[in-house]
C-alpha atoms as a PDB file:
ATOM      1  CA  MET A   1     -85.507  47.018  -9.811  1.00  0.00           C
ATOM      2  CA  ILE A   2     -85.763  43.766 -11.954  1.00  0.00           C
ATOM      3  CA  LYS A   3     -87.124  40.689 -10.657  1.00  0.00           C
ATOM      4  CA  THR A   4     -84.547  38.319 -10.580  1.00  0.00           C
ATOM      5  CA  ALA A   5     -80.640  38.655 -10.740  1.00  0.00           C
ATOM      6  CA  VAL A   6     -78.926  35.416 -11.566  1.00  0.00           C
ATOM      7  CA  VAL A   7     -75.513  35.688  -9.962  1.00  0.00           C
ATOM      8  CA  ILE A   8     -72.556  33.966 -10.839  1.00  0.00           C
ATOM      9  CA  LEU A   9     -69.502  34.566  -8.790  1.00  0.00           C
ATOM     10  CA  ASN A  10     -66.189  33.634 -10.891  1.00  0.00           C
ATOM     11  CA  TRP A  11     -62.649  33.267  -9.301  1.00  0.00           C
ATOM     12  CA  ASN A  12     -60.499  32.059 -12.470  1.00  0.00           C
ATOM     13  CA  GLY A  13     -63.094  30.258 -13.641  1.00  0.00           C
ATOM     14  CA  ARG A  14     -62.483  31.233 -17.364  1.00  0.00           C
ATOM     15  CA  ASP A  15     -62.582  27.394 -18.379  1.00  0.00           C
ATOM     16  CA  PHE A  16     -65.851  27.099 -16.753  1.00  0.00           C
ATOM     17  CA  LEU A  17     -67.207  30.259 -18.172  1.00  0.00           C
ATOM     18  CA  GLY A  18     -66.326  29.049 -21.540  1.00  0.00           C
ATOM     19  CA  ARG A  19     -68.281  25.721 -20.944  1.00  0.00           C
ATOM     20  CA  PHE A  20     -71.118  26.922 -19.117  1.00  0.00           C
ATOM     21  CA  LEU A  21     -71.836  30.563 -19.479  1.00  0.00           C
ATOM     22  CA  PRO A  22     -73.474  30.824 -23.139  1.00  0.00           C
ATOM     23  CA  ASP A  23     -76.123  28.049 -22.131  1.00  0.00           C
ATOM     24  CA  VAL A  24     -77.155  29.621 -18.749  1.00  0.00           C
ATOM     25  CA  VAL A  25     -77.566  33.274 -20.698  1.00  0.00           C
ATOM     26  CA  ARG A  26     -79.323  31.357 -23.498  1.00  0.00           C
ATOM     27  CA  ASN A  27     -81.695  29.612 -20.960  1.00  0.00           C
ATOM     28  CA  THR A  28     -82.271  32.215 -18.288  1.00  0.00           C
ATOM     29  CA  VAL A  29     -82.242  35.985 -19.645  1.00  0.00           C
ATOM     30  CA  SER A  30     -85.568  37.293 -19.966  1.00  0.00           C
ATOM     31  CA  GLY A  31     -87.246  40.576 -19.648  1.00  0.00           C
ATOM     32  CA  ASP A  32     -87.248  40.209 -16.025  1.00  0.00           C
ATOM     33  CA  THR A  33     -84.157  38.218 -15.483  1.00  0.00           C
ATOM     34  CA  GLU A  34     -80.854  39.392 -15.615  1.00  0.00           C
ATOM     35  CA  VAL A  35     -77.233  37.499 -15.598  1.00  0.00           C
ATOM     36  CA  ILE A  36     -74.662  38.602 -13.769  1.00  0.00           C
ATOM     37  CA  VAL A  37     -71.044  37.691 -13.551  1.00  0.00           C
ATOM     38  CA  ALA A  38     -69.379  38.861 -10.278  1.00  0.00           C
ATOM     39  CA  ASP A  39     -65.755  38.396 -10.567  1.00  0.00           C
ATOM     40  CA  ASN A  40     -63.889  37.908  -7.426  1.00  0.00           C
ATOM     41  CA  GLY A  41     -60.211  39.179  -7.680  1.00  0.00           C
ATOM     42  CA  SER A  42     -59.538  36.646 -11.009  1.00  0.00           C
ATOM     43  CA  ASP A  43     -55.826  36.809 -12.314  1.00  0.00           C
ATOM     44  CA  ASP A  44     -56.471  34.836 -15.163  1.00  0.00           C
ATOM     45  CA  ASP A  45     -58.506  36.202 -18.014  1.00  0.00           C
ATOM     46  CA  SER A  46     -62.068  35.817 -17.003  1.00  0.00           C
ATOM     47  CA  VAL A  47     -62.741  39.440 -17.150  1.00  0.00           C
ATOM     48  CA  ALA A  48     -61.434  39.948 -20.670  1.00  0.00           C
ATOM     49  CA  TRP A  49     -63.289  36.874 -21.879  1.00  0.00           C
ATOM     50  CA  LEU A  50     -66.250  38.048 -20.679  1.00  0.00           C
ATOM     51  CA  SER A  51     -65.588  41.528 -22.608  1.00  0.00           C
ATOM     52  CA  GLU A  52     -65.147  39.890 -25.821  1.00  0.00           C
ATOM     53  CA  HIS A  53     -67.507  37.168 -26.046  1.00  0.00           C
ATOM     54  CA  HIS A  54     -70.244  38.637 -23.692  1.00  0.00           C
ATOM     55  CA  PRO A  55     -69.989  42.648 -24.062  1.00  0.00           C
ATOM     56  CA  GLY A  56     -73.629  42.827 -23.075  1.00  0.00           C
ATOM     57  CA  LEU A  57     -73.422  41.334 -19.830  1.00  0.00           C
ATOM     58  CA  ARG A  58     -73.091  42.971 -16.506  1.00  0.00           C
ATOM     59  CA  VAL A  59     -69.785  42.385 -14.727  1.00  0.00           C
ATOM     60  CA  ILE A  60     -68.629  43.159 -11.000  1.00  0.00           C
ATOM     61  CA  THR A  61     -65.227  43.432 -10.270  1.00  0.00           C
ATOM     62  CA  MET A  62     -63.402  42.987  -7.178  1.00  0.00           C
ATOM     63  CA  GLU A  63     -60.043  43.827  -5.953  1.00  0.00           C
ATOM     64  CA  LYS A  64     -59.406  40.769  -4.649  1.00  0.00           C
ATOM     65  CA  ASN A  65     -60.691  37.191  -3.705  1.00  0.00           C
ATOM     66  CA  PHE A  66     -62.972  37.892  -0.837  1.00  0.00           C
ATOM     67  CA  GLY A  67     -64.557  33.955  -0.462  1.00  0.00           C
ATOM     68  CA  TYR A  68     -67.587  33.000  -1.744  1.00  0.00           C
ATOM     69  CA  ALA A  69     -69.391  34.539   1.517  1.00  0.00           C
ATOM     70  CA  GLY A  70     -67.676  37.754   0.948  1.00  0.00           C
ATOM     71  CA  GLY A  71     -67.797  38.088  -2.732  1.00  0.00           C
ATOM     72  CA  TYR A  72     -71.149  37.713  -2.689  1.00  0.00           C
ATOM     73  CA  ASN A  73     -72.042  39.943  -0.070  1.00  0.00           C
ATOM     74  CA  ARG A  74     -70.373  42.590  -1.943  1.00  0.00           C
ATOM     75  CA  ALA A  75     -71.325  41.772  -5.141  1.00  0.00           C
ATOM     76  CA  LEU A  76     -75.192  41.698  -3.987  1.00  0.00           C
ATOM     77  CA  ARG A  77     -74.799  45.302  -2.720  1.00  0.00           C
ATOM     78  CA  GLN A  78     -74.681  46.833  -5.856  1.00  0.00           C
ATOM     79  CA  ILE A  79     -77.546  45.027  -7.424  1.00  0.00           C
ATOM     80  CA  GLU A  80     -81.305  45.423  -7.096  1.00  0.00           C
ATOM     81  CA  ALA A  81     -83.640  42.462  -7.440  1.00  0.00           C
ATOM     82  CA  GLU A  82     -86.657  40.991  -5.771  1.00  0.00           C
ATOM     83  CA  PHE A  83     -84.866  37.621  -5.829  1.00  0.00           C
ATOM     84  CA  TYR A  84     -81.199  36.740  -6.302  1.00  0.00           C
ATOM     85  CA  ILE A  85     -80.423  32.979  -7.682  1.00  0.00           C
ATOM     86  CA  LEU A  86     -76.598  32.280  -6.761  1.00  0.00           C
ATOM     87  CA  LEU A  87     -75.158  30.118  -9.483  1.00  0.00           C
ATOM     88  CA  ASN A  88     -71.942  28.409  -9.346  1.00  0.00           C
ATOM     89  CA  SER A  89     -70.222  28.841 -12.706  1.00  0.00           C
ATOM     90  CA  ASP A  90     -69.776  24.884 -13.209  1.00  0.00           C
ATOM     91  CA  VAL A  91     -73.431  24.316 -13.613  1.00  0.00           C
ATOM     92  CA  SER A  92     -75.322  23.638 -16.692  1.00  0.00           C
ATOM     93  CA  VAL A  93     -79.107  24.364 -16.751  1.00  0.00           C
ATOM     94  CA  GLU A  94     -82.163  23.627 -18.644  1.00  0.00           C
ATOM     95  CA  PRO A  95     -84.581  26.358 -20.158  1.00  0.00           C
ATOM     96  CA  GLY A  96     -86.986  27.744 -17.512  1.00  0.00           C
ATOM     97  CA  TRP A  97     -84.971  26.795 -14.660  1.00  0.00           C
ATOM     98  CA  ALA A  98     -84.808  30.011 -12.826  1.00  0.00           C
ATOM     99  CA  ASP A  99     -88.473  30.802 -13.479  1.00  0.00           C
ATOM    100  CA  LYS A 100     -89.572  27.574 -11.660  1.00  0.00           C
ATOM    101  CA  LEU A 101     -87.774  28.628  -8.595  1.00  0.00           C
ATOM    102  CA  THR A 102     -88.874  32.176  -8.430  1.00  0.00           C
ATOM    103  CA  THR A 103     -92.677  31.164  -9.220  1.00  0.00           C
ATOM    104  CA  TYR A 104     -92.333  28.738  -6.290  1.00  0.00           C
ATOM    105  CA  MET A 105     -91.000  31.658  -4.032  1.00  0.00           C
ATOM    106  CA  GLU A 106     -93.742  33.941  -5.249  1.00  0.00           C
ATOM    107  CA  MET A 107     -96.402  31.843  -4.470  1.00  0.00           C
ATOM    108  CA  HIS A 108     -94.689  30.875  -0.868  1.00  0.00           C
ATOM    109  CA  PRO A 109     -93.561  34.576   0.733  1.00  0.00           C
ATOM    110  CA  ASN A 110     -92.635  32.570   4.045  1.00  0.00           C
ATOM    111  CA  VAL A 111     -89.860  31.323   1.650  1.00  0.00           C
ATOM    112  CA  GLY A 112     -86.634  32.504   2.509  1.00  0.00           C
ATOM    113  CA  ALA A 113     -84.352  30.428  -0.003  1.00  0.00           C
ATOM    114  CA  CYS A 114     -84.933  27.530  -2.080  1.00  0.00           C
ATOM    115  CA  GLN A 115     -82.918  25.028  -4.256  1.00  0.00           C
ATOM    116  CA  PRO A 116     -83.480  22.912  -7.565  1.00  0.00           C
ATOM    117  CA  LYS A 117     -82.793  19.259  -7.895  1.00  0.00           C
ATOM    118  CA  ILE A 118     -78.912  19.134  -8.571  1.00  0.00           C
ATOM    119  CA  ARG A 119     -77.658  16.052 -10.409  1.00  0.00           C
ATOM    120  CA  SER A 120     -73.957  15.420 -11.384  1.00  0.00           C
ATOM    121  CA  PHE A 121     -72.650  16.820 -14.724  1.00  0.00           C
ATOM    122  CA  GLU A 122     -69.906  14.288 -15.154  1.00  0.00           C
ATOM    123  CA  ASN A 123     -72.882  11.533 -13.808  1.00  0.00           C
ATOM    124  CA  PRO A 124     -76.062  12.486 -15.035  1.00  0.00           C
ATOM    125  CA  GLN A 125     -78.579  10.087 -13.804  1.00  0.00           C
ATOM    126  CA  ALA A 126     -76.848  10.448 -10.367  1.00  0.00           C
ATOM    127  CA  PHE A 127     -77.509  13.427  -7.731  1.00  0.00           C
ATOM    128  CA  GLU A 128     -74.691  15.609  -7.181  1.00  0.00           C
ATOM    129  CA  TYR A 129     -72.568  15.698  -4.182  1.00  0.00           C
ATOM    130  CA  ALA A 130     -73.110  19.284  -3.116  1.00  0.00           C
ATOM    131  CA  GLY A 131     -76.825  19.404  -2.977  1.00  0.00           C
ATOM    132  CA  ALA A 132     -78.333  16.757  -4.175  1.00  0.00           C
ATOM    133  CA  ALA A 133     -82.310  16.960  -3.554  1.00  0.00           C
ATOM    134  CA  GLY A 134     -81.911  19.285  -0.199  1.00  0.00           C
ATOM    135  CA  GLY A 135     -79.539  19.738   2.645  1.00  0.00           C
ATOM    136  CA  TYR A 136     -80.074  18.484   6.039  1.00  0.00           C
ATOM    137  CA  ILE A 137     -78.261  18.499   9.118  1.00  0.00           C
ATOM    138  CA  ASP A 138     -78.009  16.501  12.352  1.00  0.00           C
ATOM    139  CA  ARG A 139     -77.686  17.228  15.968  1.00  0.00           C
ATOM    140  CA  PHE A 140     -74.107  17.523  16.175  1.00  0.00           C
ATOM    141  CA  GLY A 141     -74.048  20.008  12.891  1.00  0.00           C
ATOM    142  CA  TYR A 142     -73.081  17.322  10.518  1.00  0.00           C
ATOM    143  CA  PRO A 143     -74.624  18.128   6.963  1.00  0.00           C
ATOM    144  CA  PHE A 144     -76.173  15.521   4.808  1.00  0.00           C
ATOM    145  CA  CYS A 145     -78.407  15.597   1.526  1.00  0.00           C
ATOM    146  CA  ARG A 146     -81.665  13.551   0.430  1.00  0.00           C
ATOM    147  CA  GLY A 147     -79.535  11.765  -2.137  1.00  0.00           C
ATOM    148  CA  ARG A 148     -75.893  12.005  -0.514  1.00  0.00           C
ATOM    149  CA  ILE A 149     -74.605  11.125   2.899  1.00  0.00           C
ATOM    150  CA  PHE A 150     -71.090  11.142   3.359  1.00  0.00           C
ATOM    151  CA  ASP A 151     -69.767   9.330   0.405  1.00  0.00           C
ATOM    152  CA  THR A 152     -72.869   7.529  -0.753  1.00  0.00           C
ATOM    153  CA  VAL A 153     -74.501   9.432  -3.835  1.00  0.00           C
ATOM    154  CA  GLU A 154     -77.477   7.921  -4.900  1.00  0.00           C
ATOM    155  CA  ASP A 155     -78.625   7.987  -8.289  1.00  0.00           C
ATOM    156  CA  ASP A 156     -81.822   9.751  -9.470  1.00  0.00           C
ATOM    157  CA  HIS A 157     -85.015   7.470  -9.860  1.00  0.00           C
ATOM    158  CA  GLY A 158     -87.763  10.178  -9.149  1.00  0.00           C
ATOM    159  CA  GLN A 159     -87.432   8.739  -5.569  1.00  0.00           C
ATOM    160  CA  TYR A 160     -87.141  12.564  -4.224  1.00  0.00           C
ATOM    161  CA  ASP A 161     -89.008  14.558  -6.376  1.00  0.00           C
ATOM    162  CA  ASP A 162     -91.448  15.906  -3.761  1.00  0.00           C
ATOM    163  CA  THR A 163     -91.429  19.757  -2.959  1.00  0.00           C
ATOM    164  CA  ARG A 164     -90.598  19.857   0.491  1.00  0.00           C
ATOM    165  CA  GLU A 165     -89.095  21.686   3.559  1.00  0.00           C
ATOM    166  CA  ILE A 166     -85.271  21.312   4.097  1.00  0.00           C
ATOM    167  CA  PHE A 167     -82.788  22.701   6.184  1.00  0.00           C
ATOM    168  CA  TRP A 168     -80.562  24.293   4.077  1.00  0.00           C
ATOM    169  CA  ALA A 169     -80.313  24.945   0.358  1.00  0.00           C
ATOM    170  CA  SER A 170     -77.219  24.357  -1.679  1.00  0.00           C
ATOM    171  CA  GLY A 171     -74.482  27.337  -2.438  1.00  0.00           C
ATOM    172  CA  SER A 172     -73.775  25.841  -5.872  1.00  0.00           C
ATOM    173  CA  CYS A 173     -77.379  26.928  -6.532  1.00  0.00           C
ATOM    174  CA  MET A 174     -80.069  28.500  -4.184  1.00  0.00           C
ATOM    175  CA  ALA A 175     -82.832  31.060  -4.960  1.00  0.00           C
ATOM    176  CA  VAL A 176     -82.846  33.834  -2.511  1.00  0.00           C
ATOM    177  CA  ARG A 177     -85.258  36.238  -1.570  1.00  0.00           C
ATOM    178  CA  ALA A 178     -83.507  39.680  -1.484  1.00  0.00           C
ATOM    179  CA  SER A 179     -85.360  41.103   1.537  1.00  0.00           C
ATOM    180  CA  ALA A 180     -84.824  37.770   3.485  1.00  0.00           C
ATOM    181  CA  PHE A 181     -81.334  37.675   2.715  1.00  0.00           C
ATOM    182  CA  ASP A 182     -80.766  41.665   3.704  1.00  0.00           C
ATOM    183  CA  GLN A 183     -82.986  41.063   7.008  1.00  0.00           C
ATOM    184  CA  CYS A 184     -80.537  38.449   8.286  1.00  0.00           C
ATOM    185  CA  ASP A 185     -77.289  40.494   6.933  1.00  0.00           C
ATOM    186  CA  GLY A 186     -76.184  38.293   4.534  1.00  0.00           C
ATOM    187  CA  PHE A 187     -73.349  35.853   4.732  1.00  0.00           C
ATOM    188  CA  ASP A 188     -70.688  35.706   7.670  1.00  0.00           C
ATOM    189  CA  ASP A 189     -67.706  37.125   5.717  1.00  0.00           C
ATOM    190  CA  SER A 190     -65.564  35.212   8.070  1.00  0.00           C
ATOM    191  CA  PHE A 191     -66.532  31.721   6.707  1.00  0.00           C
ATOM    192  CA  PHE A 192     -64.800  32.774   3.495  1.00  0.00           C
ATOM    193  CA  VAL A 193     -66.095  29.423   1.905  1.00  0.00           C
ATOM    194  CA  HIS A 194     -67.794  26.391   2.761  1.00  0.00           C
ATOM    195  CA  MET A 195     -70.905  26.005   5.302  1.00  0.00           C
ATOM    196  CA  GLU A 196     -71.727  29.821   4.940  1.00  0.00           C
ATOM    197  CA  GLU A 197     -75.267  28.944   2.992  1.00  0.00           C
ATOM    198  CA  ILE A 198     -75.954  26.327   5.849  1.00  0.00           C
ATOM    199  CA  ASP A 199     -75.503  29.196   8.381  1.00  0.00           C
ATOM    200  CA  LEU A 200     -77.191  31.418   6.484  1.00  0.00           C
ATOM    201  CA  CYS A 201     -80.047  29.074   5.815  1.00  0.00           C
ATOM    202  CA  TRP A 202     -80.035  28.459  10.144  1.00  0.00           C
ATOM    203  CA  ARG A 203     -80.183  32.100  10.650  1.00  0.00           C
ATOM    204  CA  MET A 204     -82.968  32.720   8.031  1.00  0.00           C
ATOM    205  CA  GLN A 205     -85.088  29.765   9.931  1.00  0.00           C
ATOM    206  CA  ASN A 206     -84.750  31.800  13.347  1.00  0.00           C
ATOM    207  CA  ALA A 207     -85.962  34.878  11.804  1.00  0.00           C
ATOM    208  CA  GLY A 208     -89.024  32.869  10.553  1.00  0.00           C
ATOM    209  CA  PHE A 209     -88.754  31.777   7.081  1.00  0.00           C
ATOM    210  CA  MET A 210     -88.915  28.287   5.507  1.00  0.00           C
ATOM    211  CA  ILE A 211     -86.004  26.765   3.107  1.00  0.00           C
ATOM    212  CA  CYS A 212     -87.200  24.684   0.445  1.00  0.00           C
ATOM    213  CA  TYR A 213     -86.494  22.005  -2.190  1.00  0.00           C
ATOM    214  CA  VAL A 214     -87.998  22.784  -5.598  1.00  0.00           C
ATOM    215  CA  PRO A 215     -87.696  19.299  -8.051  1.00  0.00           C
ATOM    216  CA  HIS A 216     -89.006  20.321 -10.969  1.00  0.00           C
ATOM    217  CA  ALA A 217     -86.028  22.872 -11.752  1.00  0.00           C
ATOM    218  CA  VAL A 218     -83.089  20.608 -12.418  1.00  0.00           C
ATOM    219  CA  VAL A 219     -79.693  21.751 -12.838  1.00  0.00           C
ATOM    220  CA  TRP A 220     -76.341  19.892 -13.202  1.00  0.00           C
ATOM    221  CA  HIS A 221     -73.369  20.625 -11.359  1.00  0.00           C
ATOM    222  CA  VAL A 222     -69.582  19.769 -12.143  1.00  0.00           C
ATOM    223  CA  GLY A 223     -68.441  19.952  -8.358  1.00  0.00           C
ATOM    224  CA  GLY A 224     -65.120  20.510  -6.918  1.00  0.00           C
ATOM    225  CA  GLY A 225     -64.317  22.921  -9.152  1.00  0.00           C
ATOM    226  CA  THR A 226     -62.685  25.192  -6.781  1.00  0.00           C
ATOM    227  CA  LEU A 227     -61.649  22.989  -4.501  1.00  0.00           C
ATOM    228  CA  SER A 228     -61.218  19.115  -4.368  1.00  0.00           C
ATOM    229  CA  TYR A 229     -63.445  17.153  -1.623  1.00  0.00           C
ATOM    230  CA  GLY A 230     -59.989  15.701  -0.366  1.00  0.00           C
ATOM    231  CA  SER A 231     -58.228  19.154  -0.425  1.00  0.00           C
ATOM    232  CA  PRO A 232     -56.493  20.250   3.129  1.00  0.00           C
ATOM    233  CA  THR A 233     -57.919  23.696   2.486  1.00  0.00           C
ATOM    234  CA  LYS A 234     -61.539  22.453   1.897  1.00  0.00           C
ATOM    235  CA  ILE A 235     -61.041  20.183   5.033  1.00  0.00           C
ATOM    236  CA  TYR A 236     -60.171  23.114   7.252  1.00  0.00           C
ATOM    237  CA  TYR A 237     -63.168  24.964   6.287  1.00  0.00           C
ATOM    238  CA  ASN A 238     -65.409  22.506   6.592  1.00  0.00           C
ATOM    239  CA  PHE A 239     -64.606  21.861  10.369  1.00  0.00           C
ATOM    240  CA  ARG A 240     -63.847  25.289  11.160  1.00  0.00           C
ATOM    241  CA  ASN A 241     -66.969  26.565   9.766  1.00  0.00           C
ATOM    242  CA  SER A 242     -69.124  24.049  10.836  1.00  0.00           C
ATOM    243  CA  LEU A 243     -67.471  24.395  14.951  1.00  0.00           C
ATOM    244  CA  ILE A 244     -68.470  28.485  14.345  1.00  0.00           C
ATOM    245  CA  MET A 245     -71.946  27.764  12.980  1.00  0.00           C
ATOM    246  CA  LEU A 246     -72.750  25.625  16.056  1.00  0.00           C
ATOM    247  CA  ALA A 247     -71.437  28.096  18.049  1.00  0.00           C
ATOM    248  CA  LYS A 248     -73.391  31.070  16.542  1.00  0.00           C
ATOM    249  CA  ASN A 249     -76.876  29.651  16.358  1.00  0.00           C
ATOM    250  CA  LEU A 250     -77.255  26.507  18.866  1.00  0.00           C
ATOM    251  CA  PRO A 251     -79.506  27.840  21.905  1.00  0.00           C
ATOM    252  CA  ALA A 252     -77.401  28.068  25.174  1.00  0.00           C
ATOM    253  CA  ARG A 253     -78.692  24.853  26.907  1.00  0.00           C
ATOM    254  CA  HIS A 254     -77.177  22.753  24.039  1.00  0.00           C
ATOM    255  CA  LEU A 255     -74.124  24.740  23.468  1.00  0.00           C
ATOM    256  CA  ARG A 256     -71.615  23.348  25.538  1.00  0.00           C
ATOM    257  CA  ARG A 257     -72.159  19.802  25.196  1.00  0.00           C
ATOM    258  CA  THR A 258     -72.595  19.918  21.578  1.00  0.00           C
ATOM    259  CA  ILE A 259     -69.484  21.943  20.814  1.00  0.00           C
ATOM    260  CA  PHE A 260     -67.361  19.451  23.670  1.00  0.00           C
ATOM    261  CA  THR A 261     -68.868  16.242  21.694  1.00  0.00           C
ATOM    262  CA  ARG A 262     -67.822  17.640  18.246  1.00  0.00           C
ATOM    263  CA  GLN A 263     -64.499  18.352  19.494  1.00  0.00           C
ATOM    264  CA  LEU A 264     -64.072  15.111  20.310  1.00  0.00           C
ATOM    265  CA  LEU A 265     -65.464  13.734  17.119  1.00  0.00           C
ATOM    266  CA  ASP A 266     -63.284  16.196  15.101  1.00  0.00           C
ATOM    267  CA  GLY A 267     -60.311  14.546  17.164  1.00  0.00           C
ATOM    268  CA  LEU A 268     -61.575  11.157  16.032  1.00  0.00           C
ATOM    269  CA  ALA A 269     -61.554  12.449  12.350  1.00  0.00           C
ATOM    270  CA  ALA A 270     -58.388  13.801  12.548  1.00  0.00           C
ATOM    271  CA  VAL A 271     -56.882  10.348  13.138  1.00  0.00           C
ATOM    272  CA  VAL A 272     -58.776   8.656  10.475  1.00  0.00           C
ATOM    273  CA  LEU A 273     -57.853  11.588   8.096  1.00  0.00           C
ATOM    274  CA  LEU A 274     -54.055  11.105   9.031  1.00  0.00           C
ATOM    275  CA  PHE A 275     -54.153   7.137   7.967  1.00  0.00           C
ATOM    276  CA  ARG A 276     -56.848   8.117   5.162  1.00  0.00           C
ATOM    277  CA  GLU A 277     -55.355  11.306   3.488  1.00  0.00           C
ATOM    278  CA  GLY A 278     -51.884  12.214   4.936  1.00  0.00           C
ATOM    279  CA  ARG A 279     -50.740  14.575   7.538  1.00  0.00           C
ATOM    280  CA  ALA A 280     -51.737  17.597   5.543  1.00  0.00           C
ATOM    281  CA  ALA A 281     -55.390  16.604   6.199  1.00  0.00           C
ATOM    282  CA  ALA A 282     -54.991  16.008   9.559  1.00  0.00           C
ATOM    283  CA  ALA A 283     -53.443  18.907  10.250  1.00  0.00           C
ATOM    284  CA  ALA A 284     -55.859  20.841   8.439  1.00  0.00           C
ATOM    285  CA  VAL A 285     -58.420  19.867  11.355  1.00  0.00           C
ATOM    286  CA  VAL A 286     -56.058  20.950  14.398  1.00  0.00           C
ATOM    287  CA  ARG A 287     -55.579  24.172  12.645  1.00  0.00           C
ATOM    288  CA  ALA A 288     -59.465  24.620  12.329  1.00  0.00           C
ATOM    289  CA  HIS A 289     -59.852  24.016  15.805  1.00  0.00           C
ATOM    290  CA  HIS A 290     -57.236  26.172  16.942  1.00  0.00           C
ATOM    291  CA  HIS A 291     -58.510  29.222  14.808  1.00  0.00           C
ATOM    292  CA  PHE A 292     -62.197  28.502  16.028  1.00  0.00           C
ATOM    293  CA  ARG A 293     -60.955  28.974  19.436  1.00  0.00           C
ATOM    294  CA  ARG A 294     -59.399  32.235  18.061  1.00  0.00           C
ATOM    295  CA  GLN A 295     -62.927  33.402  17.133  1.00  0.00           C
ATOM    296  CA  ARG A 296     -64.699  33.097  20.659  1.00  0.00           C
ATOM    297  CA  THR A 297     -64.741  36.727  21.077  1.00  0.00           C
ATOM    298  CA  ALA A 298     -66.364  37.435  17.897  1.00  0.00           C
ATOM    299  CA  ILE A 299     -69.085  34.246  18.436  1.00  0.00           C
ATOM    300  CA  LYS A 300     -69.802  36.190  21.722  1.00  0.00           C
ATOM    301  CA  THR A 301     -70.620  39.247  20.644  1.00  0.00           C
ATOM    302  CA  PHE A 302     -72.758  37.856  17.874  1.00  0.00           C
ATOM    303  CA  ARG A 303     -74.931  35.579  20.182  1.00  0.00           C
ATOM    304  CA  ALA A 304     -75.195  38.706  22.778  1.00  0.00           C
ATOM    305  CA  MET A 305     -76.596  41.047  19.950  1.00  0.00           C
ATOM    306  CA  THR A 306     -78.783  38.385  18.039  1.00  0.00           C
ATOM    307  CA  PRO A 307     -81.900  37.044  19.811  1.00  0.00           C
ATOM    308  CA  HIS A 308     -81.714  33.124  20.006  1.00  0.00           C
ATOM    309  CA  PRO A 309     -85.027  31.098  20.143  1.00  0.00           C
ATOM    310  CA  ASP A 310     -85.174  27.376  20.703  1.00  0.00           C
ATOM    311  CA  MET A 311     -82.983  25.172  18.214  1.00  0.00           C
ATOM    312  CA  TYR A 312     -84.809  25.221  15.047  1.00  0.00           C
ATOM    313  CA  HIS A 313     -86.223  21.663  14.963  1.00  0.00           C
ATOM    314  CA  SER A 314     -88.380  19.893  12.588  1.00  0.00           C
ATOM    315  CA  PRO A 315     -88.757  16.188  12.163  1.00  0.00           C
ATOM    316  CA  HIS A 316     -88.507  16.565   8.566  1.00  0.00           C
ATOM    317  CA  THR A 317     -85.233  18.819   8.215  1.00  0.00           C
ATOM    318  CA  MET A 318     -82.959  18.254  11.490  1.00  0.00           C
ATOM    319  CA  LEU A 319     -81.884  14.554  12.483  1.00  0.00           C
ATOM    320  CA  ASN A 320     -82.254  14.034  16.162  1.00  0.00           C
ATOM    321  CA  ASN A 321     -79.968  11.222  16.013  1.00  0.00           C
ATOM    322  CA  PHE A 322     -75.795  11.027  15.428  1.00  0.00           C
ATOM    323  CA  LEU A 323     -75.335  10.676  11.784  1.00  0.00           C
ATOM    324  CA  LEU A 324     -71.882   8.929  12.026  1.00  0.00           C
ATOM    325  CA  PHE A 325     -73.676   6.262  14.323  1.00  0.00           C
ATOM    326  CA  GLU A 326     -76.705   5.830  11.882  1.00  0.00           C
ATOM    327  CA  TYR A 327     -73.959   5.403   8.524  1.00  0.00           C
ATOM    328  CA  TYR A 328     -71.113   3.519   9.969  1.00  0.00           C
ATOM    329  CA  ILE A 329     -72.542   1.308  12.583  1.00  0.00           C
ATOM    330  CA  ARG A 330     -76.355   0.750  11.837  1.00  0.00           C
ATOM    331  CA  GLY A 331     -75.223   0.764   7.935  1.00  0.00           C
ATOM    332  CA  ARG A 332     -78.109   3.530   7.195  1.00  0.00           C
ATOM    333  CA  LYS A 333     -76.463   4.593   3.739  1.00  0.00           C
ATOM    334  CA  LYS A 334     -79.339   6.267   2.053  1.00  0.00           C
ATOM    335  CA  PHE A 335     -81.623   9.059   3.062  1.00  0.00           C
ATOM    336  CA  SER A 336     -84.461   6.885   2.689  1.00  0.00           C
ATOM    337  CA  ASP A 337     -82.883   4.511   5.530  1.00  0.00           C
ATOM    338  CA  LEU A 338     -82.561   6.945   8.101  1.00  0.00           C
ATOM    339  CA  ARG A 339     -84.718   7.151  11.311  1.00  0.00           C
ATOM    340  CA  TRP A 340     -85.543  10.870  12.522  1.00  0.00           C
ATOM    341  CA  HIS A 341     -86.799  10.215  16.151  1.00  0.00           C
END
């Protein structure tokens, strides 16, 4: 068994592999760290390109696209390592980045997952939308990051250079303790893509693990490489999976009120999307709620089989206020502007 497996889940990402994989291999591979590409049923020439240009690299091939959640679950079952680092194919890394993450986890055995500082590849002085300086969540399940709240992305001036506990680590680059991943049954396959890392991190915390941000490891992420941020498909999965995550993980006393409130808020969001993005975007929200209702039996089964302690709450990771109100009404656009109590 190796110490660290850096696993890149690829789906039709031949161009990204060509741009980023050589540097990932150069800055990562060592005696105890292996880079592995898990191909998620690509129908481009990704696998052939890997065979020609990186013949020594281990490639795990899957017969179809199982999404981020299902693809990683299937790939990681075939890998024996103490730590997994899940890395998007559109990420640039610096020398020593992986060792910084795993060393931190070795020194803190109660940490189930962590992420590095994630900057924008296209705008290197700025944080990247999907992860930035660590993920957080508000009481209604709206995720945000230090360095990014909704569409406001901050430049990195060293203001978030403290190592600290966070609520979720970004799936674009997250180090995971293999034993914690297995104990929590990995990702939820039904999510397919989006929000699955937040759901996993929530379940890890309920199991007693911490999630952390390690700023002295830095990567640069292109972002939106698979689905653009305004894609109706992305909107659908984000809205549907957010509801499923809340329904799975909220304690019973918060469940009905929170889900009802989210349904009202999502209805308003659909109206806004109708005018801003068009009918397809609004329809994606309606479809997400329809499919969420169809998941009720599976969610009830999960809740019946899983012990649910009180909602994981830390004044440092879960905002006890309503993020939309803080951002749009009170004008608190940056993480440092938020009031946590």
